[in-house]
Amino acid sequence: PPPFLGQPPDMASLPVEMLPVFRHFFCLGVLPSAEPTLITGNPASAGVARGTARVIHTLAEAERLQPGDVLVCPTTAPPWTPLFAIASVVNHN
């Protein structure tokens, strides 16, 4: 489902304590990278990873993922878990 019905809240009007929550869960306030070869996202853990960005829309495409690839997908669920061991990074777009 969409994160909001109607307009998203104005980030400037939110309490400062809420900003990390909205950035992490709704990608609000996260600016796209100015570098055309750099993809930024919301990390689940610390660190930096590099690899080929592999867009996987459904599990039917999972065989395309190669060890060390950056997994780019709309969302994940428990059946996607085996792919995490193959990918260097998982980026929900």
PDB file of N, CA and C in Angstrom:
ATOM      1  N   PRO A   1       0.829  -1.195   0.000  1.00  0.00           N
ATOM      2  CA  PRO A   1       0.000   0.000   0.000  1.00  0.00           C
ATOM      3  C   PRO A   1       0.870   1.254   0.000  1.00  0.00           C
ATOM      4  N   PRO A   2       0.338   2.377  -0.426  1.00  0.00           N
ATOM      5  CA  PRO A   2       1.123   3.612  -0.379  1.00  0.00           C
ATOM      6  C   PRO A   2       1.362   4.017   1.068  1.00  0.00           C
ATOM      7  N   PRO A   3       2.464   4.730   1.335  1.00  0.00           N
ATOM      8  CA  PRO A   3       2.743   5.110   2.721  1.00  0.00           C
ATOM      9  C   PRO A   3       1.749   6.124   3.283  1.00  0.00           C
ATOM     10  N   PHE A   4       1.090   6.897   2.403  1.00  0.00           N
ATOM     11  CA  PHE A   4       0.149   7.925   2.852  1.00  0.00           C
ATOM     12  C   PHE A   4      -1.042   7.979   1.916  1.00  0.00           C
ATOM     13  N   LEU A   5      -2.162   8.399   2.450  1.00  0.00           N
ATOM     14  CA  LEU A   5      -3.313   8.744   1.621  1.00  0.00           C
ATOM     15  C   LEU A   5      -3.303  10.255   1.496  1.00  0.00           C
ATOM     16  N   GLY A   6      -3.324  10.756   0.280  1.00  0.00           N
ATOM     17  CA  GLY A   6      -3.236  12.199   0.074  1.00  0.00           C
ATOM     18  C   GLY A   6      -1.785  12.644   0.046  1.00  0.00           C
ATOM     19  N   GLN A   7      -1.566  13.887   0.392  1.00  0.00           N
ATOM     20  CA  GLN A   7      -0.218  14.466   0.371  1.00  0.00           C
ATOM     21  C   GLN A   7       0.605  13.956   1.551  1.00  0.00           C
ATOM     22  N   PRO A   8       1.892  13.655   1.317  1.00  0.00           N
ATOM     23  CA  PRO A   8       2.743  13.293   2.452  1.00  0.00           C
ATOM     24  C   PRO A   8       2.945  14.502   3.359  1.00  0.00           C
ATOM     25  N   PRO A   9       3.278  14.259   4.619  1.00  0.00           N
ATOM     26  CA  PRO A   9       3.454  15.387   5.538  1.00  0.00           C
ATOM     27  C   PRO A   9       4.643  16.255   5.136  1.00  0.00           C
ATOM     28  N   ASP A  10       4.561  17.513   5.484  1.00  0.00           N
ATOM     29  CA  ASP A  10       5.662  18.452   5.236  1.00  0.00           C
ATOM     30  C   ASP A  10       6.772  18.123   6.221  1.00  0.00           C
ATOM     31  N   MET A  11       7.942  17.768   5.705  1.00  0.00           N
ATOM     32  CA  MET A  11       9.057  17.368   6.559  1.00  0.00           C
ATOM     33  C   MET A  11       9.468  18.492   7.511  1.00  0.00           C
ATOM     34  N   ALA A  12       9.320  19.734   7.092  1.00  0.00           N
ATOM     35  CA  ALA A  12       9.714  20.867   7.928  1.00  0.00           C
ATOM     36  C   ALA A  12       8.806  21.020   9.144  1.00  0.00           C
ATOM     37  N   SER A  13       7.580  20.502   9.062  1.00  0.00           N
ATOM     38  CA  SER A  13       6.641  20.664  10.171  1.00  0.00           C
ATOM     39  C   SER A  13       6.695  19.502  11.171  1.00  0.00           C
ATOM     40  N   LEU A  14       7.444  18.467  10.872  1.00  0.00           N
ATOM     41  CA  LEU A  14       7.511  17.313  11.772  1.00  0.00           C
ATOM     42  C   LEU A  14       8.439  17.576  12.948  1.00  0.00           C
ATOM     43  N   PRO A  15       8.161  16.993  14.110  1.00  0.00           N
ATOM     44  CA  PRO A  15       9.117  17.075  15.212  1.00  0.00           C
ATOM     45  C   PRO A  15      10.436  16.429  14.779  1.00  0.00           C
ATOM     46  N   VAL A  16      11.532  16.996  15.216  1.00  0.00           N
ATOM     47  CA  VAL A  16      12.847  16.519  14.800  1.00  0.00           C
ATOM     48  C   VAL A  16      13.041  15.034  15.133  1.00  0.00           C
ATOM     49  N   GLU A  17      12.397  14.542  16.171  1.00  0.00           N
ATOM     50  CA  GLU A  17      12.520  13.137  16.558  1.00  0.00           C
ATOM     51  C   GLU A  17      11.902  12.199  15.522  1.00  0.00           C
ATOM     52  N   MET A  18      10.948  12.706  14.737  1.00  0.00           N
ATOM     53  CA  MET A  18      10.262  11.876  13.749  1.00  0.00           C
ATOM     54  C   MET A  18      11.004  11.795  12.417  1.00  0.00           C
ATOM     55  N   LEU A  19      11.939  12.681  12.158  1.00  0.00           N
ATOM     56  CA  LEU A  19      12.622  12.707  10.869  1.00  0.00           C
ATOM     57  C   LEU A  19      13.305  11.385  10.520  1.00  0.00           C
ATOM     58  N   PRO A  20      14.065  10.770  11.439  1.00  0.00           N
ATOM     59  CA  PRO A  20      14.688   9.486  11.080  1.00  0.00           C
ATOM     60  C   PRO A  20      13.668   8.403  10.719  1.00  0.00           C
ATOM     61  N   VAL A  21      12.527   8.392  11.384  1.00  0.00           N
ATOM     62  CA  VAL A  21      11.495   7.395  11.102  1.00  0.00           C
ATOM     63  C   VAL A  21      10.962   7.582   9.683  1.00  0.00           C
ATOM     64  N   PHE A  22      10.647   8.829   9.323  1.00  0.00           N
ATOM     65  CA  PHE A  22      10.100   9.087   7.999  1.00  0.00           C
ATOM     66  C   PHE A  22      11.146   8.845   6.918  1.00  0.00           C
ATOM     67  N   ARG A  23      12.405   9.141   7.188  1.00  0.00           N
ATOM     68  CA  ARG A  23      13.462   8.876   6.209  1.00  0.00           C
ATOM     69  C   ARG A  23      13.644   7.375   6.001  1.00  0.00           C
ATOM     70  N   HIS A  24      13.655   6.632   7.098  1.00  0.00           N
ATOM     71  CA  HIS A  24      13.915   5.197   7.008  1.00  0.00           C
ATOM     72  C   HIS A  24      12.757   4.432   6.378  1.00  0.00           C
ATOM     73  N   PHE A  25      11.544   4.666   6.848  1.00  0.00           N
ATOM     74  CA  PHE A  25      10.422   3.861   6.399  1.00  0.00           C
ATOM     75  C   PHE A  25       9.750   4.370   5.133  1.00  0.00           C
ATOM     76  N   PHE A  26       9.812   5.671   4.871  1.00  0.00           N
ATOM     77  CA  PHE A  26       9.099   6.229   3.727  1.00  0.00           C
ATOM     78  C   PHE A  26      10.008   6.916   2.714  1.00  0.00           C
ATOM     79  N   CYS A  27      11.321   6.892   2.950  1.00  0.00           N
ATOM     80  CA  CYS A  27      12.308   7.522   2.062  1.00  0.00           C
ATOM     81  C   CYS A  27      12.023   9.011   1.859  1.00  0.00           C
ATOM     82  N   LEU A  28      11.338   9.625   2.800  1.00  0.00           N
ATOM     83  CA  LEU A  28      11.079  11.057   2.703  1.00  0.00           C
ATOM     84  C   LEU A  28      12.298  11.817   3.187  1.00  0.00           C
ATOM     85  N   GLY A  29      12.692  12.826   2.441  1.00  0.00           N
ATOM     86  CA  GLY A  29      13.848  13.618   2.814  1.00  0.00           C
ATOM     87  C   GLY A  29      15.159  13.009   2.362  1.00  0.00           C
ATOM     88  N   VAL A  30      15.114  11.862   1.685  1.00  0.00           N
ATOM     89  CA  VAL A  30      16.321  11.245   1.157  1.00  0.00           C
ATOM     90  C   VAL A  30      16.527  11.765  -0.251  1.00  0.00           C
ATOM     91  N   LEU A  31      17.628  12.453  -0.463  1.00  0.00           N
ATOM     92  CA  LEU A  31      17.896  13.036  -1.769  1.00  0.00           C
ATOM     93  C   LEU A  31      18.570  12.010  -2.668  1.00  0.00           C
ATOM     94  N   PRO A  32      18.210  11.997  -3.964  1.00  0.00           N
ATOM     95  CA  PRO A  32      18.898  11.095  -4.876  1.00  0.00           C
ATOM     96  C   PRO A  32      20.348  11.511  -5.044  1.00  0.00           C
ATOM     97  N   SER A  33      21.180  10.578  -5.415  1.00  0.00           N
ATOM     98  CA  SER A  33      22.596  10.855  -5.600  1.00  0.00           C
ATOM     99  C   SER A  33      22.804  11.768  -6.798  1.00  0.00           C
ATOM    100  N   ALA A  34      23.761  12.687  -6.691  1.00  0.00           N
ATOM    101  CA  ALA A  34      24.117  13.556  -7.800  1.00  0.00           C
ATOM    102  C   ALA A  34      25.017  12.832  -8.794  1.00  0.00           C
ATOM    103  N   GLU A  35      25.601  11.703  -8.373  1.00  0.00           N
ATOM    104  CA  GLU A  35      26.472  10.925  -9.248  1.00  0.00           C
ATOM    105  C   GLU A  35      25.638   9.903 -10.019  1.00  0.00           C
ATOM    106  N   PRO A  36      25.736   9.866 -11.352  1.00  0.00           N
ATOM    107  CA  PRO A  36      24.883   8.962 -12.136  1.00  0.00           C
ATOM    108  C   PRO A  36      25.169   7.483 -11.918  1.00  0.00           C
ATOM    109  N   THR A  37      26.330   7.132 -11.380  1.00  0.00           N
ATOM    110  CA  THR A  37      26.657   5.719 -11.173  1.00  0.00           C
ATOM    111  C   THR A  37      26.490   5.280  -9.726  1.00  0.00           C
ATOM    112  N   LEU A  38      25.914   6.135  -8.875  1.00  0.00           N
ATOM    113  CA  LEU A  38      25.772   5.834  -7.459  1.00  0.00           C
ATOM    114  C   LEU A  38      24.298   5.757  -7.090  1.00  0.00           C
ATOM    115  N   ILE A  39      23.905   4.646  -6.488  1.00  0.00           N
ATOM    116  CA  ILE A  39      22.543   4.466  -5.999  1.00  0.00           C
ATOM    117  C   ILE A  39      22.579   4.570  -4.485  1.00  0.00           C
ATOM    118  N   THR A  40      21.721   5.389  -3.915  1.00  0.00           N
ATOM    119  CA  THR A  40      21.652   5.489  -2.467  1.00  0.00           C
ATOM    120  C   THR A  40      20.317   4.909  -2.000  1.00  0.00           C
ATOM    121  N   GLY A  41      20.300   4.424  -0.785  1.00  0.00           N
ATOM    122  CA  GLY A  41      19.083   3.854  -0.230  1.00  0.00           C
ATOM    123  C   GLY A  41      19.109   3.946   1.276  1.00  0.00           C
ATOM    124  N   ASN A  42      18.195   3.269   1.917  1.00  0.00           N
ATOM    125  CA  ASN A  42      18.120   3.239   3.370  1.00  0.00           C
ATOM    126  C   ASN A  42      18.778   1.962   3.858  1.00  0.00           C
ATOM    127  N   PRO A  43      19.939   2.066   4.488  1.00  0.00           N
ATOM    128  CA  PRO A  43      20.644   0.854   4.912  1.00  0.00           C
ATOM    129  C   PRO A  43      20.008   0.200   6.137  1.00  0.00           C
ATOM    130  N   ALA A  44      20.153  -1.093   6.194  1.00  0.00           N
ATOM    131  CA  ALA A  44      19.722  -1.835   7.378  1.00  0.00           C
ATOM    132  C   ALA A  44      20.904  -2.097   8.292  1.00  0.00           C
ATOM    133  N   SER A  45      22.117  -1.932   7.772  1.00  0.00           N
ATOM    134  CA  SER A  45      23.318  -2.116   8.577  1.00  0.00           C
ATOM    135  C   SER A  45      24.413  -1.202   8.031  1.00  0.00           C
ATOM    136  N   ALA A  46      25.449  -1.045   8.811  1.00  0.00           N
ATOM    137  CA  ALA A  46      26.527  -0.144   8.428  1.00  0.00           C
ATOM    138  C   ALA A  46      27.384  -0.762   7.331  1.00  0.00           C
ATOM    139  N   GLY A  47      28.112   0.095   6.620  1.00  0.00           N
ATOM    140  CA  GLY A  47      29.059  -0.404   5.636  1.00  0.00           C
ATOM    141  C   GLY A  47      28.797   0.138   4.250  1.00  0.00           C
ATOM    142  N   VAL A  48      29.699  -0.208   3.355  1.00  0.00           N
ATOM    143  CA  VAL A  48      29.624   0.195   1.958  1.00  0.00           C
ATOM    144  C   VAL A  48      29.797  -1.053   1.118  1.00  0.00           C
ATOM    145  N   ALA A  49      29.029  -1.173   0.074  1.00  0.00           N
ATOM    146  CA  ALA A  49      29.161  -2.319  -0.824  1.00  0.00           C
ATOM    147  C   ALA A  49      29.123  -1.827  -2.260  1.00  0.00           C
ATOM    148  N   ARG A  50      29.796  -2.541  -3.123  1.00  0.00           N
ATOM    149  CA  ARG A  50      29.792  -2.236  -4.547  1.00  0.00           C
ATOM    150  C   ARG A  50      29.459  -3.507  -5.307  1.00  0.00           C
ATOM    151  N   GLY A  51      28.768  -3.323  -6.405  1.00  0.00           N
ATOM    152  CA  GLY A  51      28.442  -4.471  -7.237  1.00  0.00           C
ATOM    153  C   GLY A  51      27.548  -4.042  -8.374  1.00  0.00           C
ATOM    154  N   THR A  52      27.269  -4.962  -9.256  1.00  0.00           N
ATOM    155  CA  THR A  52      26.353  -4.711 -10.363  1.00  0.00           C
ATOM    156  C   THR A  52      24.935  -4.642  -9.817  1.00  0.00           C
ATOM    157  N   ALA A  53      24.205  -3.576 -10.156  1.00  0.00           N
ATOM    158  CA  ALA A  53      22.815  -3.451  -9.723  1.00  0.00           C
ATOM    159  C   ALA A  53      21.956  -4.386 -10.575  1.00  0.00           C
ATOM    160  N   ARG A  54      21.289  -5.314  -9.926  1.00  0.00           N
ATOM    161  CA  ARG A  54      20.458  -6.289 -10.623  1.00  0.00           C
ATOM    162  C   ARG A  54      19.015  -6.070 -10.191  1.00  0.00           C
ATOM    163  N   VAL A  55      18.165  -5.609 -11.095  1.00  0.00           N
ATOM    164  CA  VAL A  55      16.755  -5.356 -10.785  1.00  0.00           C
ATOM    165  C   VAL A  55      15.992  -6.669 -10.922  1.00  0.00           C
ATOM    166  N   ILE A  56      15.415  -7.092  -9.820  1.00  0.00           N
ATOM    167  CA  ILE A  56      14.632  -8.330  -9.766  1.00  0.00           C
ATOM    168  C   ILE A  56      13.222  -7.936  -9.324  1.00  0.00           C
ATOM    169  N   HIS A  57      12.251  -8.087 -10.221  1.00  0.00           N
ATOM    170  CA  HIS A  57      10.879  -7.688  -9.904  1.00  0.00           C
ATOM    171  C   HIS A  57      10.103  -8.767  -9.161  1.00  0.00           C
ATOM    172  N   THR A  58      10.360 -10.025  -9.507  1.00  0.00           N
ATOM    173  CA  THR A  58       9.649 -11.139  -8.870  1.00  0.00           C
ATOM    174  C   THR A  58      10.636 -12.272  -8.615  1.00  0.00           C
ATOM    175  N   LEU A  59      10.244 -13.205  -7.791  1.00  0.00           N
ATOM    176  CA  LEU A  59      11.100 -14.364  -7.515  1.00  0.00           C
ATOM    177  C   LEU A  59      11.320 -15.222  -8.755  1.00  0.00           C
ATOM    178  N   ALA A  60      10.460 -15.113  -9.745  1.00  0.00           N
ATOM    179  CA  ALA A  60      10.650 -15.858 -10.988  1.00  0.00           C
ATOM    180  C   ALA A  60      11.928 -15.418 -11.711  1.00  0.00           C
ATOM    181  N   GLU A  61      12.423 -14.222 -11.405  1.00  0.00           N
ATOM    182  CA  GLU A  61      13.649 -13.700 -12.013  1.00  0.00           C
ATOM    183  C   GLU A  61      14.877 -13.935 -11.141  1.00  0.00           C
ATOM    184  N   ALA A  62      14.741 -14.625 -10.040  1.00  0.00           N
ATOM    185  CA  ALA A  62      15.813 -14.756  -9.050  1.00  0.00           C
ATOM    186  C   ALA A  62      17.073 -15.397  -9.605  1.00  0.00           C
ATOM    187  N   GLU A  63      16.956 -16.255 -10.609  1.00  0.00           N
ATOM    188  CA  GLU A  63      18.154 -16.914 -11.140  1.00  0.00           C
ATOM    189  C   GLU A  63      19.113 -15.935 -11.810  1.00  0.00           C
ATOM    190  N   ARG A  64      18.662 -14.725 -12.106  1.00  0.00           N
ATOM    191  CA  ARG A  64      19.529 -13.711 -12.712  1.00  0.00           C
ATOM    192  C   ARG A  64      20.504 -13.104 -11.705  1.00  0.00           C
ATOM    193  N   LEU A  65      20.221 -13.228 -10.415  1.00  0.00           N
ATOM    194  CA  LEU A  65      21.070 -12.649  -9.378  1.00  0.00           C
ATOM    195  C   LEU A  65      22.382 -13.426  -9.280  1.00  0.00           C
ATOM    196  N   GLN A  66      23.497 -12.719  -9.354  1.00  0.00           N
ATOM    197  CA  GLN A  66      24.825 -13.320  -9.279  1.00  0.00           C
ATOM    198  C   GLN A  66      25.470 -12.962  -7.939  1.00  0.00           C
ATOM    199  N   PRO A  67      26.375 -13.787  -7.427  1.00  0.00           N
ATOM    200  CA  PRO A  67      27.050 -13.471  -6.163  1.00  0.00           C
ATOM    201  C   PRO A  67      27.697 -12.084  -6.212  1.00  0.00           C
ATOM    202  N   GLY A  68      27.429 -11.278  -5.180  1.00  0.00           N
ATOM    203  CA  GLY A  68      27.990  -9.936  -5.081  1.00  0.00           C
ATOM    204  C   GLY A  68      27.165  -8.856  -5.740  1.00  0.00           C
ATOM    205  N   ASP A  69      26.093  -9.211  -6.466  1.00  0.00           N
ATOM    206  CA  ASP A  69      25.235  -8.195  -7.084  1.00  0.00           C
ATOM    207  C   ASP A  69      24.521  -7.369  -6.019  1.00  0.00           C
ATOM    208  N   VAL A  70      24.108  -6.179  -6.401  1.00  0.00           N
ATOM    209  CA  VAL A  70      23.238  -5.354  -5.574  1.00  0.00           C
ATOM    210  C   VAL A  70      21.816  -5.710  -5.992  1.00  0.00           C
ATOM    211  N   LEU A  71      21.070  -6.287  -5.094  1.00  0.00           N
ATOM    212  CA  LEU A  71      19.688  -6.678  -5.388  1.00  0.00           C
ATOM    213  C   LEU A  71      18.796  -5.460  -5.277  1.00  0.00           C
ATOM    214  N   VAL A  72      18.173  -5.067  -6.383  1.00  0.00           N
ATOM    215  CA  VAL A  72      17.230  -3.947  -6.415  1.00  0.00           C
ATOM    216  C   VAL A  72      15.857  -4.549  -6.679  1.00  0.00           C
ATOM    217  N   CYS A  73      14.923  -4.341  -5.730  1.00  0.00           N
ATOM    218  CA  CYS A  73      13.605  -4.956  -5.845  1.00  0.00           C
ATOM    219  C   CYS A  73      12.560  -4.053  -5.221  1.00  0.00           C
ATOM    220  N   PRO A  74      11.299  -4.235  -5.614  1.00  0.00           N
ATOM    221  CA  PRO A  74      10.241  -3.381  -5.054  1.00  0.00           C
ATOM    222  C   PRO A  74      10.038  -3.599  -3.567  1.00  0.00           C
ATOM    223  N   THR A  75      10.122  -4.826  -3.119  1.00  0.00           N
ATOM    224  CA  THR A  75       9.968  -5.170  -1.709  1.00  0.00           C
ATOM    225  C   THR A  75      10.446  -6.608  -1.530  1.00  0.00           C
ATOM    226  N   THR A  76      10.566  -7.044  -0.309  1.00  0.00           N
ATOM    227  CA  THR A  76      10.930  -8.435  -0.058  1.00  0.00           C
ATOM    228  C   THR A  76       9.947  -9.045   0.927  1.00  0.00           C
ATOM    229  N   ALA A  77      10.002 -10.350   1.029  1.00  0.00           N
ATOM    230  CA  ALA A  77       9.186 -11.118   1.968  1.00  0.00           C
ATOM    231  C   ALA A  77      10.024 -12.337   2.352  1.00  0.00           C
ATOM    232  N   PRO A  78       9.599 -13.121   3.313  1.00  0.00           N
ATOM    233  CA  PRO A  78      10.403 -14.272   3.731  1.00  0.00           C
ATOM    234  C   PRO A  78      10.906 -15.168   2.594  1.00  0.00           C
ATOM    235  N   PRO A  79      10.127 -15.419   1.529  1.00  0.00           N
ATOM    236  CA  PRO A  79      10.674 -16.268   0.465  1.00  0.00           C
ATOM    237  C   PRO A  79      11.900 -15.687  -0.253  1.00  0.00           C
ATOM    238  N   TRP A  80      12.156 -14.400  -0.112  1.00  0.00           N
ATOM    239  CA  TRP A  80      13.320 -13.768  -0.741  1.00  0.00           C
ATOM    240  C   TRP A  80      14.598 -13.991   0.065  1.00  0.00           C
ATOM    241  N   THR A  81      14.499 -14.470   1.294  1.00  0.00           N
ATOM    242  CA  THR A  81      15.637 -14.578   2.201  1.00  0.00           C
ATOM    243  C   THR A  81      16.856 -15.292   1.595  1.00  0.00           C
ATOM    244  N   PRO A  82      16.719 -16.381   0.857  1.00  0.00           N
ATOM    245  CA  PRO A  82      17.913 -17.015   0.285  1.00  0.00           C
ATOM    246  C   PRO A  82      18.711 -16.091  -0.644  1.00  0.00           C
ATOM    247  N   LEU A  83      18.049 -15.118  -1.251  1.00  0.00           N
ATOM    248  CA  LEU A  83      18.756 -14.194  -2.143  1.00  0.00           C
ATOM    249  C   LEU A  83      19.694 -13.270  -1.374  1.00  0.00           C
ATOM    250  N   PHE A  84      19.404 -13.031  -0.105  1.00  0.00           N
ATOM    251  CA  PHE A  84      20.245 -12.132   0.689  1.00  0.00           C
ATOM    252  C   PHE A  84      21.653 -12.689   0.857  1.00  0.00           C
ATOM    253  N   ALA A  85      21.792 -14.003   0.867  1.00  0.00           N
ATOM    254  CA  ALA A  85      23.111 -14.617   1.004  1.00  0.00           C
ATOM    255  C   ALA A  85      23.924 -14.478  -0.282  1.00  0.00           C
ATOM    256  N   ILE A  86      23.264 -14.266  -1.406  1.00  0.00           N
ATOM    257  CA  ILE A  86      23.937 -14.110  -2.697  1.00  0.00           C
ATOM    258  C   ILE A  86      24.306 -12.655  -2.941  1.00  0.00           C
ATOM    259  N   ALA A  87      23.404 -11.754  -2.604  1.00  0.00           N
ATOM    260  CA  ALA A  87      23.590 -10.328  -2.900  1.00  0.00           C
ATOM    261  C   ALA A  87      24.551  -9.682  -1.917  1.00  0.00           C
ATOM    262  N   SER A  88      25.252  -8.648  -2.395  1.00  0.00           N
ATOM    263  CA  SER A  88      26.099  -7.876  -1.474  1.00  0.00           C
ATOM    264  C   SER A  88      25.260  -6.821  -0.764  1.00  0.00           C
ATOM    265  N   VAL A  89      24.170  -6.376  -1.398  1.00  0.00           N
ATOM    266  CA  VAL A  89      23.293  -5.332  -0.857  1.00  0.00           C
ATOM    267  C   VAL A  89      21.896  -5.599  -1.356  1.00  0.00           C
ATOM    268  N   VAL A  90      20.896  -5.228  -0.550  1.00  0.00           N
ATOM    269  CA  VAL A  90      19.511  -5.271  -0.979  1.00  0.00           C
ATOM    270  C   VAL A  90      18.987  -3.841  -0.919  1.00  0.00           C
ATOM    271  N   ASN A  91      18.481  -3.317  -2.035  1.00  0.00           N
ATOM    272  CA  ASN A  91      17.963  -1.955  -2.106  1.00  0.00           C
ATOM    273  C   ASN A  91      16.528  -2.019  -2.588  1.00  0.00           C
ATOM    274  N   HIS A  92      15.579  -1.683  -1.707  1.00  0.00           N
ATOM    275  CA  HIS A  92      14.177  -1.625  -2.111  1.00  0.00           C
ATOM    276  C   HIS A  92      13.971  -0.296  -2.824  1.00  0.00           C
ATOM    277  N   ASN A  93      13.488  -0.360  -4.045  1.00  0.00           N
ATOM    278  CA  ASN A  93      13.281   0.890  -4.783  1.00  0.00           C
ATOM    279  C   ASN A  93      11.876   1.359  -4.691  1.00  0.00           C
TER     280      ASN A  93
END
